Amino acid sequence: MIRSLGLALLVASAALAEPLLRRDGEHGHHHAGQPLQELNETEVTMWHQPIGPSYYTIDWDDPVAPGRHPGWLITHILFMALAFFVCLPVGITLRSVKHHLHSLAVVAFYASFFIACAASSIYRKMTPDMYPGQSHSRHGYYLLFASLLLTTIDLLGTLRRLVDFLWTAKQCSIGGLVNAVLDRAPVDSENNVEYIGLMPEPSKDDNFEEVSFEHGDTEHWANHVRRHSTMSEGTLFGPHSPRSDKTPHDWHLAAPQISTITRIGRAIFSTAERTLVIAAFGLTLTGIVVYTGGCRQNYINGCLAHLIKGGIFYVYGLVTFARFLGWCSHLGWSWNRAPTSGHPTAEFVESTVIFLYGATNTWLERFGANPGDPFTTKQIQHIGIAVMFWFAGLIGMAVESKTLRRWLSALAVDTSENVETPATYTSSFNPFPALVIGVTGSVMAAHFQTYVFQVQIHALWGNLLLAFAVMRCITYFFLWVSPPRSTLPSRPPTEALASFFLAAGGVSFVFSTEELTIAAMRRGRDDIMMFAVAAVAITCLSFTWTICITAFSGWMKMRTTSRGYHTPA
């Protein structure tokens, strides 16, 4: 009786859920059968309007046609790239080291930007409007406004420091005026300031650190980084370095105290400054879309999804490669021992971004659907991935929480004991960001598509994301076995591969838009190798740019500071 009732309930549930979980896709493509080998133009035109002419077809399809002015567009592209991908990063670097040529870089940035805008205006006046209602130009001016706002804030800070110097200085000098304007610390030759930061304070016990739980404080046991117990001869001059006895410990000076509000303000300004480069990349994508006439009508939702998500993975890959090179090593983000405490870990930032992405994207998967429309299989698939991002990111944030670690350590240790901190506590081993990316890649590699070529390109970027996750887990394994002991970047080779797979996967993700794949099939360009090598080439070019910017930053910092390190004999 119970078995029959259960069977009846199961059949009734399936009948009621059938209209809710209908297995049709976005446009009712052949999800019940096998992917098609050839393009079905009849079906495509049922859901999409024919792709009309664009700026690209005017400039390049007929080289002898009148009204062609590609030179002005090339000028616009070159100077806009010079402004945002050369002058802006150089200016950020010069500002970070308080170099006097920072102002010259700012002038070069705005000069390049305005030349690019002038070339674009001339091109649009001499060419028919092939994309009515496009927002690329408007977004460019938004970016200009944001740049001007940051420059104004920087100038106000410079003016305030100048006024403070003139108001409080007992005697004025050219050197003091320059230091005040550039926000440099005055050089104190009597105290040999060049030794500041080269030598850590001597520890009471360089072998291990005991923490008494009698005082009720378990935070040090769970989180405190053992600065000196992991020192080696390959680090900056440490207490037991062969050369440390030749350096005057008594000359160490305390750095000036900076208020919390000032630190937060500087962090926000620095983040906003670097975000302009990412925004310029987004502007590049929209410019390509407008120039080629894509992402219109029914294509727009899928196009935006692929551009945004693929762009995120691409930028994530570049940031991962920059971390491998040594970017943010002062925060402990370069697979090194953090020189100071109090900074969020890279894994916490990754988990936060993943959480925010999932929390927002969950509600956008139904964007464009009419109220009361049944959930399609594709929508349920994408919502499930977004929910995974949401809660896996939340778990990753919790794992990085110092408060949670205190609670967990209190459960694991008798409060009457003195416990030595494990060596693995010097690093963060959080697999959840890699888990999220890997699962996303594995499921999207098996994502159903209408045509075989679309299946192949989805499998391409899905497997690349999965390869990133595998490389990241291998990195954690080796760092768990031998935690980093130096404040210098350890540069695990697995992270170089991981960053490459992630960035190339992001580019391939952008290539997998429905409109682009259909256009490739129409022109006989549906070759997966062509798309793969194009993604690899773009990734290598981007990595070259990343190396140049990071190396320039390190070179400028080396010229403006007196830091050194030595290698073991």
Protein backbone atom coordinates (compact mmCIF):
# COMPACT_ATOMS: atom_id res chain seq x y z
CA MET A 1 0.00 0.00 0.00
CA ILE A 2 2.74 2.44 0.98
CA ARG A 3 4.79 1.47 -2.08
CA SER A 4 1.82 2.08 -4.40
CA LEU A 5 1.09 5.44 -2.76
CA GLY A 6 4.74 6.48 -3.17
CA LEU A 7 4.69 5.49 -6.83
CA ALA A 8 1.51 7.48 -7.40
CA LEU A 9 3.00 10.56 -5.72
CA LEU A 10 6.14 10.24 -7.85
CA VAL A 11 4.15 10.07 -11.07
CA ALA A 12 1.97 13.01 -10.02
CA SER A 13 5.03 15.09 -9.12
CA ALA A 14 6.64 14.36 -12.45
CA ALA A 15 3.47 15.37 -14.26
CA LEU A 16 3.23 18.64 -12.35
CA ALA A 17 6.91 19.46 -12.75
CA GLU A 18 7.04 18.68 -16.47
CA PRO A 19 5.90 22.15 -17.62
CA LEU A 20 8.21 23.78 -15.05
CA LEU A 21 11.30 21.79 -16.04
CA ARG A 22 10.79 21.74 -19.77
CA ARG A 23 13.85 20.51 -21.60
CA ASP A 24 13.92 23.10 -24.33
CA GLY A 25 16.74 25.54 -24.52
CA GLU A 26 16.89 29.25 -25.05
CA HIS A 27 15.45 28.97 -28.53
CA GLY A 28 14.14 25.41 -28.57
CA HIS A 29 17.22 24.03 -30.28
CA HIS A 30 17.63 20.27 -30.69
CA HIS A 31 18.34 19.36 -27.08
CA ALA A 32 16.70 15.97 -27.43
CA GLY A 33 18.94 14.88 -30.31
CA GLN A 34 22.57 15.00 -31.30
CA PRO A 35 24.41 18.24 -32.15
CA LEU A 36 24.26 19.17 -35.81
CA GLN A 37 27.27 19.12 -38.11
CA GLU A 38 26.01 21.71 -40.62
CA LEU A 39 24.50 25.12 -40.04
CA ASN A 40 20.70 25.19 -40.40
CA GLU A 41 20.01 28.69 -41.73
CA THR A 42 16.26 28.16 -41.62
CA GLU A 43 16.29 27.55 -37.88
CA VAL A 44 18.73 30.37 -37.21
CA THR A 45 16.53 32.90 -39.00
CA MET A 46 13.53 31.69 -36.98
CA TRP A 47 15.10 33.13 -33.84
CA HIS A 48 17.54 35.75 -35.09
CA GLN A 49 17.43 38.48 -37.67
CA PRO A 50 20.08 38.41 -40.41
CA ILE A 51 23.32 40.16 -39.45
CA GLY A 52 23.45 43.44 -41.34
CA PRO A 53 26.40 45.50 -42.53
CA SER A 54 28.75 47.04 -39.97
CA TYR A 55 31.72 49.35 -39.72
CA TYR A 56 33.90 46.30 -40.33
CA THR A 57 32.18 45.43 -43.62
CA ILE A 58 32.49 49.05 -44.78
CA ASP A 59 36.20 49.25 -44.01
CA TRP A 60 37.44 45.81 -45.06
CA ASP A 61 34.96 43.78 -47.14
CA ASP A 62 35.38 46.05 -50.18
CA PRO A 63 38.83 47.70 -50.11
CA VAL A 64 38.03 49.95 -53.11
CA ALA A 65 34.61 51.11 -51.90
CA PRO A 66 34.20 54.87 -51.37
CA GLY A 67 33.67 56.24 -47.88
CA ARG A 68 36.32 54.03 -46.26
CA HIS A 69 38.34 55.68 -43.50
CA PRO A 70 39.97 52.88 -41.49
CA GLY A 71 43.04 55.02 -40.81
CA TRP A 72 41.16 57.21 -38.37
CA LEU A 73 39.85 54.16 -36.52
CA ILE A 74 43.34 52.65 -36.32
CA THR A 75 44.57 55.96 -34.88
CA HIS A 76 41.78 55.85 -32.31
CA ILE A 77 42.69 52.28 -31.31
CA LEU A 78 46.44 52.93 -31.06
CA PHE A 79 46.15 56.07 -28.94
CA MET A 80 43.44 54.64 -26.70
CA ALA A 81 45.63 51.57 -26.10
CA LEU A 82 48.60 53.87 -25.45
CA ALA A 83 46.58 55.82 -22.90
CA PHE A 84 45.08 52.97 -20.88
CA PHE A 85 47.55 50.12 -21.33
CA VAL A 86 50.83 52.07 -21.31
CA CYS A 87 50.55 55.57 -19.85
CA LEU A 88 48.04 54.67 -17.13
CA PRO A 89 49.95 51.64 -15.73
CA VAL A 90 53.22 53.60 -15.94
CA GLY A 91 51.59 56.51 -14.10
CA ILE A 92 50.24 54.19 -11.41
CA THR A 93 53.72 52.73 -10.94
CA LEU A 94 55.39 56.13 -10.75
CA ARG A 95 52.81 57.33 -8.27
CA SER A 96 53.29 54.24 -6.08
CA VAL A 97 57.02 55.01 -5.74
CA LYS A 98 56.39 58.78 -5.47
CA HIS A 99 58.46 59.58 -8.55
CA HIS A 100 58.55 63.13 -9.89
CA LEU A 101 57.80 61.93 -13.45
CA HIS A 102 54.31 60.83 -12.39
CA SER A 103 52.91 64.18 -13.57
CA LEU A 104 54.46 63.64 -17.01
CA ALA A 105 52.77 60.24 -17.27
CA VAL A 106 49.42 61.82 -16.36
CA VAL A 107 49.84 64.46 -19.07
CA ALA A 108 50.76 61.75 -21.60
CA PHE A 109 47.67 59.76 -20.59
CA TYR A 110 45.25 62.63 -21.17
CA ALA A 111 47.01 63.71 -24.37
CA SER A 112 46.70 60.19 -25.79
CA PHE A 113 43.08 59.95 -24.65
CA PHE A 114 42.05 63.21 -26.30
CA ILE A 115 43.86 62.36 -29.56
CA ALA A 116 42.00 59.02 -29.58
CA CYS A 117 38.67 60.77 -28.97
CA ALA A 118 39.37 63.27 -31.76
CA ALA A 119 40.20 60.48 -34.22
CA SER A 120 37.02 58.65 -33.24
CA SER A 121 34.91 61.77 -33.74
CA ILE A 122 36.37 62.33 -37.21
CA TYR A 123 35.79 58.69 -38.13
CA ARG A 124 32.15 58.77 -37.04
CA LYS A 125 31.48 62.01 -38.92
CA MET A 126 32.92 60.56 -42.13
CA THR A 127 31.24 57.15 -41.82
CA PRO A 128 27.52 56.24 -41.72
CA ASP A 129 26.08 55.31 -38.34
CA MET A 130 26.09 51.52 -38.51
CA TYR A 131 25.14 50.88 -34.88
CA PRO A 132 22.34 53.24 -33.76
CA GLY A 133 21.98 53.55 -30.00
CA GLN A 134 25.45 52.15 -29.19
CA SER A 135 26.78 53.03 -25.74
CA HIS A 136 30.49 52.49 -26.38
CA SER A 137 31.20 56.20 -26.84
CA ARG A 138 29.19 57.16 -23.77
CA HIS A 139 31.04 54.62 -21.64
CA GLY A 140 34.32 56.05 -22.88
CA TYR A 141 33.36 59.47 -21.56
CA TYR A 142 32.32 57.88 -18.25
CA LEU A 143 35.82 56.47 -18.04
CA LEU A 144 37.27 59.89 -18.80
CA PHE A 145 35.16 61.42 -16.03
CA ALA A 146 36.36 58.78 -13.55
CA SER A 147 39.97 59.47 -14.53
CA LEU A 148 39.50 63.22 -14.09
CA LEU A 149 37.92 62.64 -10.69
CA LEU A 150 40.89 60.57 -9.48
CA THR A 151 43.32 63.15 -10.86
CA THR A 152 41.44 65.92 -9.06
CA ILE A 153 41.60 64.01 -5.78
CA ASP A 154 45.34 63.47 -6.30
CA LEU A 155 45.87 67.18 -7.04
CA LEU A 156 43.91 68.19 -3.94
CA GLY A 157 46.12 65.93 -1.83
CA THR A 158 49.23 67.47 -3.39
CA LEU A 159 47.91 70.97 -2.73
CA ARG A 160 47.14 70.10 0.89
CA ARG A 161 50.65 68.76 1.46
CA LEU A 162 52.13 71.87 -0.12
CA VAL A 163 50.09 74.17 2.10
CA ASP A 164 50.97 72.13 5.19
CA PHE A 165 54.67 72.33 4.33
CA LEU A 166 54.64 76.06 3.77
CA TRP A 167 52.60 76.61 6.93
CA THR A 168 54.57 74.40 9.31
CA ALA A 169 58.11 74.29 7.90
CA LYS A 170 60.67 76.15 10.00
CA GLN A 171 62.94 76.59 7.00
CA CYS A 172 62.06 76.11 3.35
CA SER A 173 64.28 74.25 0.89
CA ILE A 174 63.88 72.88 -2.61
CA GLY A 175 64.42 69.32 -1.40
CA GLY A 176 61.88 69.68 1.39
CA LEU A 177 59.35 71.21 -1.01
CA VAL A 178 59.76 68.33 -3.47
CA ASN A 179 59.42 65.76 -0.69
CA ALA A 180 56.24 67.45 0.55
CA VAL A 181 54.65 67.59 -2.91
CA LEU A 182 55.52 63.95 -3.67
CA ASP A 183 54.53 62.80 -0.16
CA ARG A 184 58.00 61.44 0.49
CA ALA A 185 59.44 60.92 3.93
CA PRO A 186 62.35 63.29 4.64
CA VAL A 187 65.76 61.66 4.59
CA ASP A 188 67.52 61.60 7.94
CA SER A 189 71.19 61.05 7.22
CA GLU A 190 72.14 60.93 10.86
CA ASN A 191 69.99 57.90 11.50
CA ASN A 192 70.72 56.08 8.24
CA VAL A 193 67.14 55.68 7.15
CA GLU A 194 68.18 53.41 4.29
CA TYR A 195 68.28 50.54 6.75
CA ILE A 196 64.61 50.89 7.63
CA GLY A 197 62.70 47.75 6.64
CA LEU A 198 65.82 45.71 5.95
CA MET A 199 66.03 44.14 9.40
CA PRO A 200 63.18 42.71 11.47
CA GLU A 201 63.14 43.18 15.18
CA PRO A 202 64.98 40.43 17.05
CA SER A 203 62.71 37.78 18.45
CA LYS A 204 62.82 36.57 22.01
CA ASP A 205 62.87 33.01 20.75
CA ASP A 206 63.80 32.29 17.15
CA ASN A 207 63.02 28.58 17.31
CA PHE A 208 59.34 28.59 18.11
CA GLU A 209 56.71 30.75 19.67
CA GLU A 210 54.70 29.63 22.67
CA VAL A 211 51.31 31.07 23.39
CA SER A 212 49.71 30.68 26.76
CA PHE A 213 46.01 29.86 26.70
CA GLU A 214 45.74 30.86 30.32
CA HIS A 215 45.05 34.37 29.15
CA GLY A 216 42.16 33.19 26.98
CA ASP A 217 43.74 34.27 23.70
CA THR A 218 43.87 31.65 20.96
CA GLU A 219 44.22 34.05 18.07
CA HIS A 220 48.01 33.89 18.05
CA TRP A 221 47.95 30.08 18.02
CA ALA A 222 45.65 30.04 15.01
CA ASN A 223 46.81 32.95 12.94
CA HIS A 224 50.01 34.59 14.06
CA VAL A 225 52.75 34.33 11.47
CA ARG A 226 56.08 33.22 12.84
CA ARG A 227 58.18 35.93 11.34
CA HIS A 228 61.59 34.78 12.46
CA SER A 229 61.40 31.04 13.02
CA THR A 230 61.19 30.48 9.27
CA MET A 231 64.01 32.83 8.34
CA SER A 232 66.64 31.47 6.00
CA GLU A 233 69.73 32.79 4.38
CA GLY A 234 67.74 33.33 1.20
CA THR A 235 65.59 36.04 2.75
CA LEU A 236 66.09 39.72 3.41
CA PHE A 237 68.74 40.25 6.06
CA GLY A 238 67.47 38.32 9.05
CA PRO A 239 68.72 38.09 12.61
CA HIS A 240 70.82 35.04 11.80
CA SER A 241 71.96 36.05 8.35
CA PRO A 242 75.70 35.92 7.77
CA ARG A 243 75.60 39.62 7.01
CA SER A 244 73.18 40.70 9.67
CA ASP A 245 75.94 41.12 12.22
CA LYS A 246 77.47 43.78 9.97
CA THR A 247 74.35 45.90 9.89
CA PRO A 248 73.65 48.39 12.65
CA HIS A 249 70.53 47.13 14.45
CA ASP A 250 70.49 50.19 16.59
CA TRP A 251 69.71 52.39 13.61
CA HIS A 252 66.20 50.96 13.15
CA LEU A 253 63.61 53.73 13.16
CA ALA A 254 59.89 53.40 13.69
CA ALA A 255 57.75 54.25 10.68
CA PRO A 256 55.36 57.15 11.11
CA GLN A 257 51.91 56.13 12.26
CA ILE A 258 49.12 56.43 9.68
CA SER A 259 45.49 56.68 10.73
CA THR A 260 43.01 53.98 9.77
CA ILE A 261 40.94 56.42 7.73
CA THR A 262 44.01 57.45 5.75
CA ARG A 263 44.93 53.84 5.04
CA ILE A 264 41.38 53.05 3.90
CA GLY A 265 41.31 56.13 1.69
CA ARG A 266 44.62 55.22 0.09
CA ALA A 267 43.45 51.66 -0.48
CA ILE A 268 40.23 52.84 -2.14
CA PHE A 269 42.11 55.31 -4.35
CA SER A 270 44.69 52.70 -5.35
CA THR A 271 41.98 50.15 -6.16
CA ALA A 272 39.97 52.66 -8.19
CA GLU A 273 43.10 53.66 -10.09
CA ARG A 274 43.84 50.08 -11.09
CA THR A 275 40.19 49.40 -11.87
CA LEU A 276 40.47 51.92 -14.72
CA VAL A 277 42.70 49.46 -16.58
CA ILE A 278 40.10 46.70 -16.20
CA ALA A 279 37.36 49.12 -17.27
CA ALA A 280 39.44 49.95 -20.35
CA PHE A 281 39.52 46.23 -21.19
CA GLY A 282 35.72 46.15 -20.94
CA LEU A 283 35.59 49.21 -23.18
CA THR A 284 37.76 47.35 -25.68
CA LEU A 285 35.24 44.51 -25.80
CA THR A 286 32.30 46.84 -26.39
CA GLY A 287 34.28 48.65 -29.08
CA ILE A 288 34.87 45.35 -30.91
CA VAL A 289 31.16 44.54 -30.63
CA VAL A 290 30.10 47.91 -32.05
CA TYR A 291 32.67 47.78 -34.86
CA THR A 292 31.61 44.30 -35.96
CA GLY A 293 27.89 44.99 -35.46
CA GLY A 294 27.31 42.16 -32.98
CA CYS A 295 25.16 41.55 -29.90
CA ARG A 296 21.87 42.81 -31.32
CA GLN A 297 18.26 41.69 -30.88
CA ASN A 298 17.99 38.16 -29.47
CA TYR A 299 21.76 37.74 -29.35
CA ILE A 300 22.27 40.40 -26.70
CA ASN A 301 21.65 38.36 -23.52
CA GLY A 302 23.93 35.49 -24.45
CA CYS A 303 26.51 37.89 -25.84
CA LEU A 304 26.66 39.92 -22.63
CA ALA A 305 26.90 36.76 -20.52
CA HIS A 306 29.85 35.42 -22.50
CA LEU A 307 31.67 38.76 -22.66
CA ILE A 308 31.29 39.50 -18.96
CA LYS A 309 32.03 36.01 -17.64
CA GLY A 310 34.81 35.33 -20.10
CA GLY A 311 36.30 38.72 -19.38
CA ILE A 312 36.27 37.98 -15.64
CA PHE A 313 38.16 34.72 -16.12
CA TYR A 314 40.63 36.46 -18.44
CA VAL A 315 41.37 39.24 -15.94
CA TYR A 316 41.52 36.65 -13.16
CA GLY A 317 44.20 34.84 -15.17
CA LEU A 318 46.25 38.02 -15.64
CA VAL A 319 46.03 38.80 -11.92
CA THR A 320 47.11 35.23 -11.10
CA PHE A 321 50.11 35.59 -13.42
CA ALA A 322 50.98 38.95 -11.85
CA ARG A 323 50.91 37.25 -8.43
CA PHE A 324 53.28 34.62 -9.78
CA LEU A 325 55.66 37.37 -10.90
CA GLY A 326 55.62 39.05 -7.49
CA TRP A 327 52.74 41.51 -7.56
CA CYS A 328 51.42 42.27 -4.06
CA SER A 329 54.21 40.30 -2.41
CA HIS A 330 54.11 42.86 0.40
CA LEU A 331 50.67 41.45 1.22
CA GLY A 332 51.83 37.84 1.04
CA TRP A 333 49.91 37.24 -2.19
CA SER A 334 52.90 36.02 -4.24
CA TRP A 335 53.14 32.61 -2.59
CA ASN A 336 55.53 34.07 -0.06
CA ARG A 337 55.62 34.66 3.66
CA ALA A 338 53.80 37.92 4.37
CA PRO A 339 56.24 40.53 5.73
CA THR A 340 53.50 42.05 7.89
CA SER A 341 50.17 40.92 9.26
CA GLY A 342 46.76 42.51 9.13
CA HIS A 343 46.14 42.16 5.38
CA PRO A 344 43.45 39.97 3.81
CA THR A 345 44.76 36.90 2.02
CA ALA A 346 44.50 36.51 -1.73
CA GLU A 347 42.22 33.52 -1.18
CA PHE A 348 39.86 35.68 0.87
CA VAL A 349 39.66 38.23 -1.96
CA GLU A 350 39.08 35.44 -4.51
CA SER A 351 36.34 33.92 -2.36
CA THR A 352 34.70 37.33 -1.88
CA VAL A 353 34.61 37.98 -5.63
CA ILE A 354 33.20 34.49 -6.23
CA PHE A 355 30.54 35.04 -3.56
CA LEU A 356 29.48 38.42 -4.98
CA TYR A 357 29.36 37.00 -8.49
CA GLY A 358 27.13 34.11 -7.43
CA ALA A 359 24.89 36.27 -5.26
CA THR A 360 24.19 38.68 -8.12
CA ASN A 361 24.18 36.27 -11.06
CA THR A 362 21.63 33.93 -9.48
CA TRP A 363 18.88 36.45 -10.15
CA LEU A 364 20.06 37.39 -13.64
CA GLU A 365 19.68 33.98 -15.25
CA ARG A 366 15.98 34.67 -15.79
CA PHE A 367 16.70 38.04 -17.33
CA GLY A 368 14.63 38.44 -20.48
CA ALA A 369 12.08 35.77 -19.56
CA ASN A 370 8.42 36.74 -19.28
CA PRO A 371 6.60 36.38 -15.94
CA GLY A 372 5.16 32.90 -15.65
CA ASP A 373 7.47 31.36 -18.25
CA PRO A 374 8.62 27.86 -17.25
CA PHE A 375 12.22 27.32 -16.21
CA THR A 376 14.23 25.87 -19.06
CA THR A 377 16.92 23.26 -18.61
CA LYS A 378 19.61 25.79 -19.51
CA GLN A 379 18.32 28.26 -16.93
CA ILE A 380 18.34 25.62 -14.19
CA GLN A 381 21.88 24.63 -15.16
CA HIS A 382 23.13 28.21 -14.98
CA ILE A 383 21.27 28.99 -11.77
CA GLY A 384 22.81 25.90 -10.17
CA ILE A 385 26.30 27.11 -11.13
CA ALA A 386 25.53 30.58 -9.75
CA VAL A 387 24.31 29.11 -6.44
CA MET A 388 27.51 27.05 -6.27
CA PHE A 389 29.53 30.27 -6.70
CA TRP A 390 27.43 31.92 -4.02
CA PHE A 391 27.85 29.40 -1.24
CA ALA A 392 31.28 28.04 -2.17
CA GLY A 393 32.52 31.63 -2.06
CA LEU A 394 30.89 32.02 1.34
CA ILE A 395 32.64 28.87 2.56
CA GLY A 396 35.95 30.17 1.24
CA MET A 397 35.47 33.46 3.10
CA ALA A 398 34.66 31.56 6.28
CA VAL A 399 37.78 29.42 5.96
CA GLU A 400 39.88 32.60 5.77
CA SER A 401 38.13 34.21 8.76
CA LYS A 402 40.47 34.75 11.71
CA THR A 403 37.51 34.72 14.09
CA LEU A 404 36.40 31.31 12.85
CA ARG A 405 39.95 30.01 13.18
CA ARG A 406 40.06 31.19 16.79
CA TRP A 407 36.85 29.29 17.52
CA LEU A 408 38.11 26.14 15.82
CA SER A 409 41.46 26.25 17.60
CA ALA A 410 39.67 26.65 20.91
CA LEU A 411 37.81 23.41 20.20
CA ALA A 412 40.99 21.55 19.29
CA VAL A 413 43.33 22.58 22.12
CA ASP A 414 43.18 22.33 25.86
CA THR A 415 43.38 25.88 27.15
CA SER A 416 45.88 24.82 29.83
CA GLU A 417 48.49 23.82 27.25
CA ASN A 418 51.20 25.81 25.53
CA VAL A 419 51.12 24.88 21.85
CA GLU A 420 53.62 25.50 19.08
CA THR A 421 52.17 27.07 15.96
CA PRO A 422 52.26 24.68 12.94
CA ALA A 423 54.50 25.75 10.08
CA THR A 424 51.55 25.59 7.66
CA TYR A 425 49.91 28.50 9.48
CA THR A 426 52.23 30.88 7.63
CA SER A 427 50.25 30.36 4.40
CA SER A 428 46.64 30.08 3.29
CA PHE A 429 45.47 26.79 1.79
CA ASN A 430 41.94 27.39 0.56
CA PRO A 431 40.83 25.04 -2.26
CA PHE A 432 37.32 26.46 -2.69
CA PRO A 433 38.11 29.11 -5.35
CA ALA A 434 39.88 26.44 -7.40
CA LEU A 435 37.03 23.99 -6.73
CA VAL A 436 34.44 26.44 -8.05
CA ILE A 437 36.41 27.19 -11.22
CA GLY A 438 37.18 23.50 -11.80
CA VAL A 439 33.59 22.33 -11.39
CA THR A 440 32.39 25.13 -13.67
CA GLY A 441 34.87 24.09 -16.32
CA SER A 442 34.05 20.39 -16.09
CA VAL A 443 30.28 20.86 -16.37
CA MET A 444 30.51 23.49 -19.11
CA ALA A 445 32.78 21.18 -21.12
CA ALA A 446 29.76 18.83 -21.24
CA HIS A 447 27.21 21.60 -21.85
CA PHE A 448 24.77 20.77 -24.65
CA GLN A 449 24.97 22.95 -27.76
CA THR A 450 23.08 22.95 -31.03
CA TYR A 451 26.11 22.43 -33.25
CA VAL A 452 29.20 20.25 -32.93
CA PHE A 453 31.51 23.25 -33.34
CA GLN A 454 29.80 24.99 -30.41
CA VAL A 455 30.26 21.84 -28.31
CA GLN A 456 33.96 21.76 -29.19
CA ILE A 457 34.65 25.37 -28.26
CA HIS A 458 32.75 25.03 -24.97
CA ALA A 459 34.78 21.91 -24.21
CA LEU A 460 37.94 23.91 -25.01
CA TRP A 461 37.44 26.62 -22.41
CA GLY A 462 35.81 24.24 -19.95
CA ASN A 463 38.87 21.97 -19.95
CA LEU A 464 41.17 24.98 -19.64
CA LEU A 465 39.34 26.12 -16.50
CA LEU A 466 39.53 22.59 -15.13
CA ALA A 467 43.28 22.54 -15.82
CA PHE A 468 43.62 25.75 -13.80
CA ALA A 469 41.96 24.08 -10.82
CA VAL A 470 44.27 21.07 -11.07
CA MET A 471 47.38 23.28 -11.20
CA ARG A 472 46.19 25.36 -8.23
CA CYS A 473 45.64 22.22 -6.15
CA ILE A 474 49.15 20.99 -7.03
CA THR A 475 50.48 24.37 -5.89
CA TYR A 476 48.74 23.96 -2.55
CA PHE A 477 50.14 20.44 -2.19
CA PHE A 478 53.76 21.51 -2.59
CA LEU A 479 53.33 24.59 -0.40
CA TRP A 480 51.69 22.44 2.27
CA VAL A 481 54.68 20.10 2.23
CA SER A 482 57.15 23.00 2.35
CA PRO A 483 55.57 26.35 3.36
CA PRO A 484 57.33 29.47 2.05
CA ARG A 485 59.94 30.81 4.46
CA SER A 486 60.99 33.91 2.56
CA THR A 487 59.24 37.22 2.00
CA LEU A 488 60.40 37.05 -1.61
CA PRO A 489 58.01 35.57 -4.23
CA SER A 490 58.46 31.79 -4.44
CA ARG A 491 57.05 31.63 -7.99
CA PRO A 492 55.77 28.03 -8.12
CA PRO A 493 55.79 26.92 -11.79
CA THR A 494 52.35 25.38 -11.39
CA GLU A 495 50.94 28.89 -10.89
CA ALA A 496 52.45 30.04 -14.18
CA LEU A 497 50.60 27.21 -15.91
CA ALA A 498 47.44 27.82 -13.89
CA SER A 499 47.32 31.49 -14.83
CA PHE A 500 47.86 30.65 -18.50
CA PHE A 501 45.05 28.08 -18.52
CA LEU A 502 42.72 30.51 -16.77
CA ALA A 503 43.39 33.47 -19.08
CA ALA A 504 43.23 31.33 -22.23
CA GLY A 505 40.00 29.81 -20.93
CA GLY A 506 38.52 33.27 -20.48
CA VAL A 507 39.40 34.28 -24.03
CA SER A 508 37.93 31.03 -25.38
CA PHE A 509 34.82 31.71 -23.28
CA VAL A 510 34.38 35.02 -25.11
CA PHE A 511 34.88 33.23 -28.44
CA SER A 512 32.05 30.78 -27.66
CA THR A 513 29.23 33.30 -28.08
CA GLU A 514 26.42 31.95 -30.25
CA GLU A 515 26.64 34.81 -32.73
CA LEU A 516 30.41 34.43 -33.22
CA THR A 517 30.23 30.67 -33.67
CA ILE A 518 27.41 30.97 -36.23
CA ALA A 519 29.34 33.68 -38.11
CA ALA A 520 32.40 31.41 -38.14
CA MET A 521 30.36 28.53 -39.55
CA ARG A 522 28.91 30.75 -42.26
CA ARG A 523 32.38 31.83 -43.38
CA GLY A 524 33.88 28.34 -43.16
CA ARG A 525 36.00 29.30 -40.12
CA ASP A 526 34.55 26.71 -37.75
CA ASP A 527 37.94 25.23 -36.95
CA ILE A 528 38.57 24.58 -33.26
CA MET A 529 42.35 24.72 -33.70
CA MET A 530 42.12 28.21 -35.19
CA PHE A 531 40.15 29.44 -32.19
CA ALA A 532 42.50 27.66 -29.76
CA VAL A 533 45.69 29.13 -31.19
CA ALA A 534 44.05 32.58 -31.37
CA ALA A 535 43.23 32.33 -27.65
CA VAL A 536 46.78 31.19 -26.88
CA ALA A 537 48.27 34.03 -28.93
CA ILE A 538 46.15 36.66 -27.18
CA THR A 539 47.06 35.17 -23.81
CA CYS A 540 50.79 35.22 -24.58
CA LEU A 541 50.54 38.84 -25.76
CA SER A 542 48.70 39.77 -22.57
CA PHE A 543 51.27 37.99 -20.41
CA THR A 544 54.05 39.88 -22.18
CA TRP A 545 52.30 43.14 -21.30
CA THR A 546 51.91 41.96 -17.70
CA ILE A 547 55.62 41.11 -17.45
CA CYS A 548 56.60 44.52 -18.84
CA ILE A 549 54.39 46.42 -16.38
CA THR A 550 55.42 44.30 -13.39
CA ALA A 551 59.11 44.47 -14.28
CA PHE A 552 58.92 48.24 -14.71
CA SER A 553 57.26 48.52 -11.33
CA GLY A 554 60.00 46.47 -9.69
CA TRP A 555 62.73 48.41 -11.48
CA MET A 556 61.33 51.74 -10.34
CA LYS A 557 60.96 50.51 -6.78
CA MET A 558 64.55 49.26 -6.79
CA ARG A 559 65.78 52.67 -7.98
CA THR A 560 63.88 54.57 -5.30
CA THR A 561 64.47 52.32 -2.29
CA SER A 562 67.54 50.77 -0.70
CA ARG A 563 66.52 47.18 -0.33
CA GLY A 564 68.62 44.11 -0.84
CA TYR A 565 68.62 40.37 -0.55
CA HIS A 566 71.17 37.68 -0.90
CA THR A 567 71.15 34.07 -1.95
CA PRO A 568 72.60 31.20 0.04
CA ALA A 569 76.14 30.20 -0.80
